[in-house]
């Protein structure tokens, strides 16, 4: 089992769009507005694909969705599964130094 640190990519966080922009646009930013969103996770998994899947199931409201004719929600994009939007870095537990690993603080 390995540990993975998942975070949004900085270039995505710097985009001026929001979570209602078109997913394929250059301004789409699923972390805007910032509330009710997850900005970092540490996940135990066998590989990156599994780590991203676990992260995607523990997300906040970063996903983009649409409704069908019966008003059932259908997720059409989840940034935790997409390497263009999120980093997934394997952490080596044998090379940690004393200190904080993850502090994801947002203030209103």
PDB file of N, CA and C in Angstrom:
ATOM      1  N   UNK A   1       0.843  -1.174   0.000  1.00  0.00           N
ATOM      2  CA  UNK A   1       0.000   0.000   0.000  1.00  0.00           C
ATOM      3  C   UNK A   1       0.894   1.244   0.000  1.00  0.00           C
ATOM      4  N   UNK A   2       0.492   2.238  -0.767  1.00  0.00           N
ATOM      5  CA  UNK A   2       1.256   3.479  -0.889  1.00  0.00           C
ATOM      6  C   UNK A   2       0.392   4.648  -0.439  1.00  0.00           C
ATOM      7  N   UNK A   3       1.070   5.754  -0.093  1.00  0.00           N
ATOM      8  CA  UNK A   3       0.369   6.994   0.246  1.00  0.00           C
ATOM      9  C   UNK A   3       0.494   7.980  -0.910  1.00  0.00           C
ATOM     10  N   UNK A   4      -0.613   8.672  -1.217  1.00  0.00           N
ATOM     11  CA  UNK A   4      -0.646   9.662  -2.292  1.00  0.00           C
ATOM     12  C   UNK A   4      -1.211  10.967  -1.758  1.00  0.00           C
ATOM     13  N   UNK A   5      -0.581  12.060  -2.159  1.00  0.00           N
ATOM     14  CA  UNK A   5      -1.057  13.407  -1.867  1.00  0.00           C
ATOM     15  C   UNK A   5      -1.731  13.934  -3.121  1.00  0.00           C
ATOM     16  N   UNK A   6      -3.011  14.264  -3.020  1.00  0.00           N
ATOM     17  CA  UNK A   6      -3.763  14.797  -4.152  1.00  0.00           C
ATOM     18  C   UNK A   6      -4.132  16.246  -3.871  1.00  0.00           C
ATOM     19  N   UNK A   7      -3.830  17.121  -4.818  1.00  0.00           N
ATOM     20  CA  UNK A   7      -4.127  18.545  -4.699  1.00  0.00           C
ATOM     21  C   UNK A   7      -4.507  19.106  -6.067  1.00  0.00           C
ATOM     22  N   UNK A   8      -5.255  20.207  -6.089  1.00  0.00           N
ATOM     23  CA  UNK A   8      -5.526  20.870  -7.363  1.00  0.00           C
ATOM     24  C   UNK A   8      -4.230  21.463  -7.916  1.00  0.00           C
ATOM     25  N   UNK A   9      -4.113  21.524  -9.222  1.00  0.00           N
ATOM     26  CA  UNK A   9      -2.944  22.165  -9.835  1.00  0.00           C
ATOM     27  C   UNK A   9      -3.060  23.676  -9.677  1.00  0.00           C
ATOM     28  N   UNK A  10      -1.934  24.326  -9.385  1.00  0.00           N
ATOM     29  CA  UNK A  10      -1.933  25.775  -9.170  1.00  0.00           C
ATOM     30  C   UNK A  10      -2.466  26.541 -10.361  1.00  0.00           C
ATOM     31  N   UNK A  11      -2.127  26.108 -11.584  1.00  0.00           N
ATOM     32  CA  UNK A  11      -2.595  26.841 -12.756  1.00  0.00           C
ATOM     33  C   UNK A  11      -4.117  26.780 -12.887  1.00  0.00           C
ATOM     34  N   UNK A  12      -4.734  25.742 -12.370  1.00  0.00           N
ATOM     35  CA  UNK A  12      -6.198  25.648 -12.377  1.00  0.00           C
ATOM     36  C   UNK A  12      -6.771  26.592 -11.326  1.00  0.00           C
ATOM     37  N   UNK A  13      -6.178  26.595 -10.125  1.00  0.00           N
ATOM     38  CA  UNK A  13      -6.661  27.478  -9.060  1.00  0.00           C
ATOM     39  C   UNK A  13      -6.546  28.951  -9.435  1.00  0.00           C
ATOM     40  N   UNK A  14      -5.601  29.292 -10.312  1.00  0.00           N
ATOM     41  CA  UNK A  14      -5.413  30.687 -10.724  1.00  0.00           C
ATOM     42  C   UNK A  14      -6.386  31.141 -11.804  1.00  0.00           C
ATOM     43  N   UNK A  15      -7.148  30.226 -12.360  1.00  0.00           N
ATOM     44  CA  UNK A  15      -8.116  30.594 -13.399  1.00  0.00           C
ATOM     45  C   UNK A  15      -9.231  31.443 -12.799  1.00  0.00           C
ATOM     46  N   UNK A  16      -9.737  32.381 -13.587  1.00  0.00           N
ATOM     47  CA  UNK A  16     -10.758  33.296 -13.111  1.00  0.00           C
ATOM     48  C   UNK A  16     -12.183  32.793 -13.301  1.00  0.00           C
ATOM     49  N   UNK A  17     -12.370  31.690 -14.017  1.00  0.00           N
ATOM     50  CA  UNK A  17     -13.708  31.145 -14.208  1.00  0.00           C
ATOM     51  C   UNK A  17     -14.217  30.515 -12.923  1.00  0.00           C
ATOM     52  N   UNK A  18     -15.322  29.793 -13.029  1.00  0.00           N
ATOM     53  CA  UNK A  18     -15.854  29.140 -11.845  1.00  0.00           C
ATOM     54  C   UNK A  18     -16.378  27.752 -12.197  1.00  0.00           C
ATOM     55  N   UNK A  19     -17.032  27.125 -11.233  1.00  0.00           N
ATOM     56  CA  UNK A  19     -17.503  25.753 -11.427  1.00  0.00           C
ATOM     57  C   UNK A  19     -18.721  25.663 -12.340  1.00  0.00           C
ATOM     58  N   UNK A  20     -19.225  26.795 -12.802  1.00  0.00           N
ATOM     59  CA  UNK A  20     -20.346  26.791 -13.741  1.00  0.00           C
ATOM     60  C   UNK A  20     -19.893  27.115 -15.165  1.00  0.00           C
ATOM     61  N   UNK A  21     -18.615  27.413 -15.350  1.00  0.00           N
ATOM     62  CA  UNK A  21     -18.072  27.640 -16.685  1.00  0.00           C
ATOM     63  C   UNK A  21     -18.079  26.328 -17.458  1.00  0.00           C
ATOM     64  N   UNK A  22     -17.943  26.407 -18.761  1.00  0.00           N
ATOM     65  CA  UNK A  22     -17.850  25.189 -19.568  1.00  0.00           C
ATOM     66  C   UNK A  22     -16.597  24.408 -19.177  1.00  0.00           C
ATOM     67  N   UNK A  23     -16.732  23.107 -18.982  1.00  0.00           N
ATOM     68  CA  UNK A  23     -15.627  22.258 -18.529  1.00  0.00           C
ATOM     69  C   UNK A  23     -14.426  22.351 -19.456  1.00  0.00           C
ATOM     70  N   UNK A  24     -14.651  22.420 -20.747  1.00  0.00           N
ATOM     71  CA  UNK A  24     -13.529  22.430 -21.689  1.00  0.00           C
ATOM     72  C   UNK A  24     -13.006  23.834 -21.985  1.00  0.00           C
ATOM     73  N   UNK A  25     -13.485  24.846 -21.271  1.00  0.00           N
ATOM     74  CA  UNK A  25     -12.992  26.203 -21.509  1.00  0.00           C
ATOM     75  C   UNK A  25     -11.675  26.433 -20.770  1.00  0.00           C
ATOM     76  N   UNK A  26     -10.923  27.419 -21.214  1.00  0.00           N
ATOM     77  CA  UNK A  26      -9.631  27.757 -20.597  1.00  0.00           C
ATOM     78  C   UNK A  26      -9.792  28.426 -19.238  1.00  0.00           C
ATOM     79  N   UNK A  27     -11.006  28.837 -18.888  1.00  0.00           N
ATOM     80  CA  UNK A  27     -11.205  29.533 -17.615  1.00  0.00           C
ATOM     81  C   UNK A  27     -11.863  28.646 -16.553  1.00  0.00           C
ATOM     82  N   UNK A  28     -12.261  27.420 -16.899  1.00  0.00           N
ATOM     83  CA  UNK A  28     -12.976  26.551 -15.961  1.00  0.00           C
ATOM     84  C   UNK A  28     -12.141  26.284 -14.715  1.00  0.00           C
ATOM     85  N   UNK A  29     -12.732  26.549 -13.561  1.00  0.00           N
ATOM     86  CA  UNK A  29     -12.077  26.324 -12.279  1.00  0.00           C
ATOM     87  C   UNK A  29     -13.088  25.686 -11.329  1.00  0.00           C
ATOM     88  N   UNK A  30     -13.026  24.375 -11.141  1.00  0.00           N
ATOM     89  CA  UNK A  30     -14.001  23.706 -10.283  1.00  0.00           C
ATOM     90  C   UNK A  30     -13.883  24.065  -8.802  1.00  0.00           C
ATOM     91  N   UNK A  31     -12.854  24.819  -8.410  1.00  0.00           N
ATOM     92  CA  UNK A  31     -12.685  25.218  -7.013  1.00  0.00           C
ATOM     93  C   UNK A  31     -13.151  26.652  -6.761  1.00  0.00           C
ATOM     94  N   UNK A  32     -13.853  27.247  -7.704  1.00  0.00           N
ATOM     95  CA  UNK A  32     -14.444  28.569  -7.503  1.00  0.00           C
ATOM     96  C   UNK A  32     -15.936  28.461  -7.662  1.00  0.00           C
ATOM     97  N   UNK A  33     -16.726  28.971  -6.782  1.00  0.00           N
ATOM     98  CA  UNK A  33     -16.301  29.555  -5.511  1.00  0.00           C
ATOM     99  C   UNK A  33     -15.662  28.495  -4.606  1.00  0.00           C
ATOM    100  N   UNK A  34     -14.901  28.923  -3.632  1.00  0.00           N
ATOM    101  CA  UNK A  34     -14.041  28.045  -2.857  1.00  0.00           C
ATOM    102  C   UNK A  34     -14.763  27.246  -1.782  1.00  0.00           C
ATOM    103  N   UNK A  35     -15.933  27.651  -1.383  1.00  0.00           N
ATOM    104  CA  UNK A  35     -16.600  26.978  -0.268  1.00  0.00           C
ATOM    105  C   UNK A  35     -17.176  25.616  -0.695  1.00  0.00           C
ATOM    106  N   UNK A  36     -17.283  24.728   0.270  1.00  0.00           N
ATOM    107  CA  UNK A  36     -17.796  23.367   0.079  1.00  0.00           C
ATOM    108  C   UNK A  36     -16.935  22.541  -0.877  1.00  0.00           C
ATOM    109  N   UNK A  37     -15.660  22.846  -0.954  1.00  0.00           N
ATOM    110  CA  UNK A  37     -14.736  22.159  -1.854  1.00  0.00           C
ATOM    111  C   UNK A  37     -13.600  21.534  -1.046  1.00  0.00           C
ATOM    112  N   UNK A  38     -13.010  20.476  -1.576  1.00  0.00           N
ATOM    113  CA  UNK A  38     -11.834  19.846  -0.977  1.00  0.00           C
ATOM    114  C   UNK A  38     -10.616  20.302  -1.768  1.00  0.00           C
ATOM    115  N   UNK A  39      -9.566  20.734  -1.071  1.00  0.00           N
ATOM    116  CA  UNK A  39      -8.365  21.240  -1.716  1.00  0.00           C
ATOM    117  C   UNK A  39      -7.153  20.342  -1.522  1.00  0.00           C
ATOM    118  N   UNK A  40      -7.302  19.257  -0.807  1.00  0.00           N
ATOM    119  CA  UNK A  40      -6.188  18.342  -0.632  1.00  0.00           C
ATOM    120  C   UNK A  40      -6.603  17.097   0.129  1.00  0.00           C
ATOM    121  N   UNK A  41      -5.997  15.981  -0.237  1.00  0.00           N
ATOM    122  CA  UNK A  41      -6.273  14.708   0.428  1.00  0.00           C
ATOM    123  C   UNK A  41      -4.994  13.875   0.448  1.00  0.00           C
ATOM    124  N   UNK A  42      -4.855  13.067   1.470  1.00  0.00           N
ATOM    125  CA  UNK A  42      -3.827  12.030   1.498  1.00  0.00           C
ATOM    126  C   UNK A  42      -4.577  10.702   1.505  1.00  0.00           C
ATOM    127  N   UNK A  43      -4.252   9.850   0.544  1.00  0.00           N
ATOM    128  CA  UNK A  43      -5.002   8.619   0.299  1.00  0.00           C
ATOM    129  C   UNK A  43      -4.046   7.436   0.321  1.00  0.00           C
ATOM    130  N   UNK A  44      -4.473   6.341   0.917  1.00  0.00           N
ATOM    131  CA  UNK A  44      -3.731   5.079   0.852  1.00  0.00           C
ATOM    132  C   UNK A  44      -4.343   4.232  -0.253  1.00  0.00           C
ATOM    133  N   UNK A  45      -3.506   3.797  -1.198  1.00  0.00           N
ATOM    134  CA  UNK A  45      -3.986   3.002  -2.328  1.00  0.00           C
ATOM    135  C   UNK A  45      -2.829   2.210  -2.926  1.00  0.00           C
ATOM    136  N   UNK A  46      -3.160   1.233  -3.756  1.00  0.00           N
ATOM    137  CA  UNK A  46      -2.138   0.428  -4.420  1.00  0.00           C
ATOM    138  C   UNK A  46      -1.458   1.160  -5.569  1.00  0.00           C
ATOM    139  N   UNK A  47      -2.198   2.068  -6.244  1.00  0.00           N
ATOM    140  CA  UNK A  47      -1.628   2.786  -7.378  1.00  0.00           C
ATOM    141  C   UNK A  47      -2.355   4.128  -7.570  1.00  0.00           C
ATOM    142  N   UNK A  48      -1.848   4.939  -8.490  1.00  0.00           N
ATOM    143  CA  UNK A  48      -2.415   6.267  -8.714  1.00  0.00           C
ATOM    144  C   UNK A  48      -3.868   6.208  -9.163  1.00  0.00           C
ATOM    145  N   UNK A  49      -4.184   5.284 -10.042  1.00  0.00           N
ATOM    146  CA  UNK A  49      -5.559   5.180 -10.533  1.00  0.00           C
ATOM    147  C   UNK A  49      -6.534   4.934  -9.377  1.00  0.00           C
ATOM    148  N   UNK A  50      -6.169   4.025  -8.492  1.00  0.00           N
ATOM    149  CA  UNK A  50      -7.018   3.725  -7.335  1.00  0.00           C
ATOM    150  C   UNK A  50      -7.068   4.917  -6.378  1.00  0.00           C
ATOM    151  N   UNK A  51      -5.939   5.619  -6.194  1.00  0.00           N
ATOM    152  CA  UNK A  51      -5.909   6.803  -5.327  1.00  0.00           C
ATOM    153  C   UNK A  51      -6.859   7.878  -5.850  1.00  0.00           C
ATOM    154  N   UNK A  52      -6.856   8.087  -7.160  1.00  0.00           N
ATOM    155  CA  UNK A  52      -7.750   9.082  -7.760  1.00  0.00           C
ATOM    156  C   UNK A  52      -9.218   8.664  -7.599  1.00  0.00           C
ATOM    157  N   UNK A  53      -9.488   7.392  -7.724  1.00  0.00           N
ATOM    158  CA  UNK A  53     -10.853   6.910  -7.557  1.00  0.00           C
ATOM    159  C   UNK A  53     -11.333   7.135  -6.119  1.00  0.00           C
ATOM    160  N   UNK A  54     -10.484   6.820  -5.151  1.00  0.00           N
ATOM    161  CA  UNK A  54     -10.831   7.038  -3.738  1.00  0.00           C
ATOM    162  C   UNK A  54     -11.047   8.527  -3.483  1.00  0.00           C
ATOM    163  N   UNK A  55     -10.172   9.362  -4.015  1.00  0.00           N
ATOM    164  CA  UNK A  55     -10.328  10.813  -3.858  1.00  0.00           C
ATOM    165  C   UNK A  55     -11.639  11.286  -4.471  1.00  0.00           C
ATOM    166  N   UNK A  56     -11.968  10.753  -5.638  1.00  0.00           N
ATOM    167  CA  UNK A  56     -13.191  11.183  -6.319  1.00  0.00           C
ATOM    168  C   UNK A  56     -14.442  10.847  -5.514  1.00  0.00           C
ATOM    169  N   UNK A  57     -14.357   9.818  -4.693  1.00  0.00           N
ATOM    170  CA  UNK A  57     -15.502   9.431  -3.872  1.00  0.00           C
ATOM    171  C   UNK A  57     -15.542  10.184  -2.547  1.00  0.00           C
ATOM    172  N   UNK A  58     -14.522  10.984  -2.260  1.00  0.00           N
ATOM    173  CA  UNK A  58     -14.443  11.753  -1.018  1.00  0.00           C
ATOM    174  C   UNK A  58     -14.342  13.247  -1.284  1.00  0.00           C
ATOM    175  N   UNK A  59     -14.767  13.667  -2.419  1.00  0.00           N
ATOM    176  CA  UNK A  59     -14.693  15.061  -2.860  1.00  0.00           C
ATOM    177  C   UNK A  59     -15.721  15.917  -2.144  1.00  0.00           C
ATOM    178  N   UNK A  60     -15.584  17.217  -2.368  1.00  0.00           N
ATOM    179  CA  UNK A  60     -16.630  18.141  -1.960  1.00  0.00           C
ATOM    180  C   UNK A  60     -17.524  18.371  -3.157  1.00  0.00           C
ATOM    181  N   UNK A  61     -17.777  19.628  -3.471  1.00  0.00           N
ATOM    182  CA  UNK A  61     -18.629  19.957  -4.614  1.00  0.00           C
ATOM    183  C   UNK A  61     -17.803  20.470  -5.794  1.00  0.00           C
ATOM    184  N   UNK A  62     -16.696  19.786  -6.086  1.00  0.00           N
ATOM    185  CA  UNK A  62     -15.840  20.191  -7.198  1.00  0.00           C
ATOM    186  C   UNK A  62     -16.338  19.663  -8.538  1.00  0.00           C
ATOM    187  N   UNK A  63     -17.194  18.679  -8.534  1.00  0.00           N
ATOM    188  CA  UNK A  63     -17.618  18.071  -9.781  1.00  0.00           C
ATOM    189  C   UNK A  63     -18.551  18.998 -10.559  1.00  0.00           C
ATOM    190  N   UNK A  64     -18.660  18.741 -11.845  1.00  0.00           N
ATOM    191  CA  UNK A  64     -19.600  19.448 -12.696  1.00  0.00           C
ATOM    192  C   UNK A  64     -20.657  18.430 -13.095  1.00  0.00           C
ATOM    193  N   UNK A  65     -21.903  18.817 -13.057  1.00  0.00           N
ATOM    194  CA  UNK A  65     -22.960  17.871 -13.339  1.00  0.00           C
ATOM    195  C   UNK A  65     -24.058  18.511 -14.168  1.00  0.00           C
ATOM    196  N   UNK A  66     -24.901  17.679 -14.691  1.00  0.00           N
ATOM    197  CA  UNK A  66     -26.083  18.137 -15.415  1.00  0.00           C
ATOM    198  C   UNK A  66     -27.261  17.295 -14.944  1.00  0.00           C
ATOM    199  N   UNK A  67     -28.453  17.700 -15.313  1.00  0.00           N
ATOM    200  CA  UNK A  67     -29.656  16.959 -14.929  1.00  0.00           C
ATOM    201  C   UNK A  67     -30.290  16.333 -16.161  1.00  0.00           C
ATOM    202  N   UNK A  68     -30.841  15.131 -15.968  1.00  0.00           N
ATOM    203  CA  UNK A  68     -31.579  14.521 -17.072  1.00  0.00           C
ATOM    204  C   UNK A  68     -33.018  15.034 -17.060  1.00  0.00           C
ATOM    205  N   UNK A  69     -33.853  14.514 -17.916  1.00  0.00           N
ATOM    206  CA  UNK A  69     -35.239  14.987 -18.041  1.00  0.00           C
ATOM    207  C   UNK A  69     -36.063  14.766 -16.778  1.00  0.00           C
ATOM    208  N   UNK A  70     -35.640  13.815 -15.938  1.00  0.00           N
ATOM    209  CA  UNK A  70     -36.344  13.543 -14.681  1.00  0.00           C
ATOM    210  C   UNK A  70     -35.694  14.248 -13.496  1.00  0.00           C
ATOM    211  N   UNK A  71     -34.786  15.193 -13.782  1.00  0.00           N
ATOM    212  CA  UNK A  71     -34.065  15.976 -12.772  1.00  0.00           C
ATOM    213  C   UNK A  71     -33.172  15.123 -11.885  1.00  0.00           C
ATOM    214  N   UNK A  72     -32.668  14.024 -12.417  1.00  0.00           N
ATOM    215  CA  UNK A  72     -31.659  13.225 -11.735  1.00  0.00           C
ATOM    216  C   UNK A  72     -30.295  13.807 -12.066  1.00  0.00           C
ATOM    217  N   UNK A  73     -29.463  13.977 -11.040  1.00  0.00           N
ATOM    218  CA  UNK A  73     -28.135  14.547 -11.233  1.00  0.00           C
ATOM    219  C   UNK A  73     -27.210  13.527 -11.881  1.00  0.00           C
ATOM    220  N   UNK A  74     -26.444  13.973 -12.867  1.00  0.00           N
ATOM    221  CA  UNK A  74     -25.470  13.116 -13.540  1.00  0.00           C
ATOM    222  C   UNK A  74     -24.128  13.859 -13.582  1.00  0.00           C
ATOM    223  N   UNK A  75     -23.118  13.297 -12.942  1.00  0.00           N
ATOM    224  CA  UNK A  75     -21.796  13.924 -12.935  1.00  0.00           C
ATOM    225  C   UNK A  75     -21.189  13.779 -14.328  1.00  0.00           C
ATOM    226  N   UNK A  76     -20.743  14.905 -14.893  1.00  0.00           N
ATOM    227  CA  UNK A  76     -20.117  14.854 -16.209  1.00  0.00           C
ATOM    228  C   UNK A  76     -18.618  15.125 -16.151  1.00  0.00           C
ATOM    229  N   UNK A  77     -18.140  15.618 -14.998  1.00  0.00           N
ATOM    230  CA  UNK A  77     -16.707  15.858 -14.858  1.00  0.00           C
ATOM    231  C   UNK A  77     -16.341  15.826 -13.385  1.00  0.00           C
ATOM    232  N   UNK A  78     -15.275  15.090 -13.047  1.00  0.00           N
ATOM    233  CA  UNK A  78     -14.760  15.035 -11.686  1.00  0.00           C
ATOM    234  C   UNK A  78     -13.260  15.316 -11.757  1.00  0.00           C
ATOM    235  N   UNK A  79     -12.807  16.473 -11.265  1.00  0.00           N
ATOM    236  CA  UNK A  79     -11.400  16.854 -11.424  1.00  0.00           C
ATOM    237  C   UNK A  79     -10.401  15.942 -10.726  1.00  0.00           C
ATOM    238  N   UNK A  80     -10.842  15.201  -9.706  1.00  0.00           N
ATOM    239  CA  UNK A  80      -9.911  14.315  -9.007  1.00  0.00           C
ATOM    240  C   UNK A  80      -9.492  13.131  -9.870  1.00  0.00           C
ATOM    241  N   UNK A  81     -10.248  12.845 -10.913  1.00  0.00           N
ATOM    242  CA  UNK A  81      -9.899  11.757 -11.826  1.00  0.00           C
ATOM    243  C   UNK A  81      -9.041  12.232 -12.995  1.00  0.00           C
ATOM    244  N   UNK A  82      -8.859  13.536 -13.143  1.00  0.00           N
ATOM    245  CA  UNK A  82      -8.213  14.131 -14.316  1.00  0.00           C
ATOM    246  C   UNK A  82      -6.849  14.721 -13.958  1.00  0.00           C
ATOM    247  N   UNK A  83      -5.789  14.172 -14.507  1.00  0.00           N
ATOM    248  CA  UNK A  83      -4.424  14.645 -14.210  1.00  0.00           C
ATOM    249  C   UNK A  83      -4.144  16.030 -14.772  1.00  0.00           C
ATOM    250  N   UNK A  84      -4.991  16.561 -15.650  1.00  0.00           N
ATOM    251  CA  UNK A  84      -4.832  17.939 -16.113  1.00  0.00           C
ATOM    252  C   UNK A  84      -5.288  18.936 -15.054  1.00  0.00           C
ATOM    253  N   UNK A  85      -6.069  18.483 -14.086  1.00  0.00           N
ATOM    254  CA  UNK A  85      -6.626  19.367 -13.059  1.00  0.00           C
ATOM    255  C   UNK A  85      -6.035  19.135 -11.675  1.00  0.00           C
ATOM    256  N   UNK A  86      -5.559  17.925 -11.409  1.00  0.00           N
ATOM    257  CA  UNK A  86      -5.080  17.607 -10.067  1.00  0.00           C
ATOM    258  C   UNK A  86      -3.737  16.877 -10.104  1.00  0.00           C
ATOM    259  N   UNK A  87      -2.946  17.130  -9.078  1.00  0.00           N
ATOM    260  CA  UNK A  87      -1.687  16.415  -8.867  1.00  0.00           C
ATOM    261  C   UNK A  87      -1.982  15.175  -8.030  1.00  0.00           C
ATOM    262  N   UNK A  88      -1.254  14.115  -8.291  1.00  0.00           N
ATOM    263  CA  UNK A  88      -1.337  12.900  -7.481  1.00  0.00           C
ATOM    264  C   UNK A  88       0.102  12.434  -7.267  1.00  0.00           C
ATOM    265  N   UNK A  89       0.659  12.843  -6.139  1.00  0.00           N
ATOM    266  CA  UNK A  89       2.072  12.595  -5.846  1.00  0.00           C
ATOM    267  C   UNK A  89       2.208  11.452  -4.850  1.00  0.00           C
ATOM    268  N   UNK A  90       2.989  10.449  -5.217  1.00  0.00           N
ATOM    269  CA  UNK A  90       3.244   9.359  -4.280  1.00  0.00           C
ATOM    270  C   UNK A  90       4.184   9.857  -3.183  1.00  0.00           C
ATOM    271  N   UNK A  91       3.818   9.577  -1.946  1.00  0.00           N
ATOM    272  CA  UNK A  91       4.628   9.974  -0.794  1.00  0.00           C
ATOM    273  C   UNK A  91       5.429   8.769  -0.314  1.00  0.00           C
ATOM    274  N   UNK A  92       6.700   8.963  -0.095  1.00  0.00           N
ATOM    275  CA  UNK A  92       7.555   7.884   0.383  1.00  0.00           C
ATOM    276  C   UNK A  92       7.668   7.986   1.902  1.00  0.00           C
ATOM    277  N   UNK A  93       7.027   7.098   2.646  1.00  0.00           N
ATOM    278  CA  UNK A  93       7.030   7.199   4.109  1.00  0.00           C
ATOM    279  C   UNK A  93       8.406   7.003   4.724  1.00  0.00           C
ATOM    280  N   UNK A  94       9.355   6.486   3.955  1.00  0.00           N
ATOM    281  CA  UNK A  94      10.704   6.307   4.479  1.00  0.00           C
ATOM    282  C   UNK A  94      11.542   7.575   4.401  1.00  0.00           C
ATOM    283  N   UNK A  95      11.034   8.602   3.752  1.00  0.00           N
ATOM    284  CA  UNK A  95      11.807   9.830   3.572  1.00  0.00           C
ATOM    285  C   UNK A  95      11.096  11.058   4.115  1.00  0.00           C
ATOM    286  N   UNK A  96      10.257  10.879   5.122  1.00  0.00           N
ATOM    287  CA  UNK A  96       9.597  12.014   5.751  1.00  0.00           C
ATOM    288  C   UNK A  96      10.526  12.649   6.761  1.00  0.00           C
ATOM    289  N   UNK A  97      10.433  13.954   6.840  1.00  0.00           N
ATOM    290  CA  UNK A  97      11.080  14.677   7.922  1.00  0.00           C
ATOM    291  C   UNK A  97       9.975  15.140   8.860  1.00  0.00           C
ATOM    292  N   UNK A  98      10.335  15.434  10.101  1.00  0.00           N
ATOM    293  CA  UNK A  98       9.341  15.903  11.046  1.00  0.00           C
ATOM    294  C   UNK A  98       8.691  17.175  10.526  1.00  0.00           C
ATOM    295  N   UNK A  99       7.391  17.246  10.613  1.00  0.00           N
ATOM    296  CA  UNK A  99       6.682  18.445  10.188  1.00  0.00           C
ATOM    297  C   UNK A  99       5.288  18.128   9.694  1.00  0.00           C
ATOM    298  N   UNK A 100       4.623  19.155   9.331  1.00  0.00           N
ATOM    299  CA  UNK A 100       3.251  19.059   8.859  1.00  0.00           C
ATOM    300  C   UNK A 100       3.210  18.502   7.445  1.00  0.00           C
ATOM    301  N   UNK A 101       2.326  17.580   7.163  1.00  0.00           N
ATOM    302  CA  UNK A 101       2.181  17.016   5.825  1.00  0.00           C
ATOM    303  C   UNK A 101       1.112  17.767   5.044  1.00  0.00           C
ATOM    304  N   UNK A 102      -0.054  17.982   5.646  1.00  0.00           N
ATOM    305  CA  UNK A 102      -1.128  18.656   4.931  1.00  0.00           C
ATOM    306  C   UNK A 102      -1.903  19.541   5.887  1.00  0.00           C
ATOM    307  N   UNK A 103      -2.021  20.823   5.537  1.00  0.00           N
ATOM    308  CA  UNK A 103      -2.890  21.764   6.253  1.00  0.00           C
ATOM    309  C   UNK A 103      -3.649  22.509   5.177  1.00  0.00           C
ATOM    310  N   UNK A 104      -4.904  22.209   5.031  1.00  0.00           N
ATOM    311  CA  UNK A 104      -5.713  22.797   3.980  1.00  0.00           C
ATOM    312  C   UNK A 104      -6.752  23.697   4.631  1.00  0.00           C
ATOM    313  N   UNK A 105      -6.403  24.952   4.839  1.00  0.00           N
ATOM    314  CA  UNK A 105      -7.226  25.906   5.570  1.00  0.00           C
ATOM    315  C   UNK A 105      -7.800  26.935   4.626  1.00  0.00           C
ATOM    316  N   UNK A 106      -9.089  27.172   4.707  1.00  0.00           N
ATOM    317  CA  UNK A 106      -9.761  28.231   3.955  1.00  0.00           C
ATOM    318  C   UNK A 106     -10.576  29.047   4.940  1.00  0.00           C
ATOM    319  N   UNK A 107     -10.453  30.340   4.893  1.00  0.00           N
ATOM    320  CA  UNK A 107     -11.159  31.207   5.809  1.00  0.00           C
ATOM    321  C   UNK A 107     -12.196  32.037   5.070  1.00  0.00           C
ATOM    322  N   UNK A 108     -13.330  32.207   5.671  1.00  0.00           N
ATOM    323  CA  UNK A 108     -14.389  33.029   5.075  1.00  0.00           C
ATOM    324  C   UNK A 108     -14.276  34.463   5.546  1.00  0.00           C
TER     325      UNK A 108
END
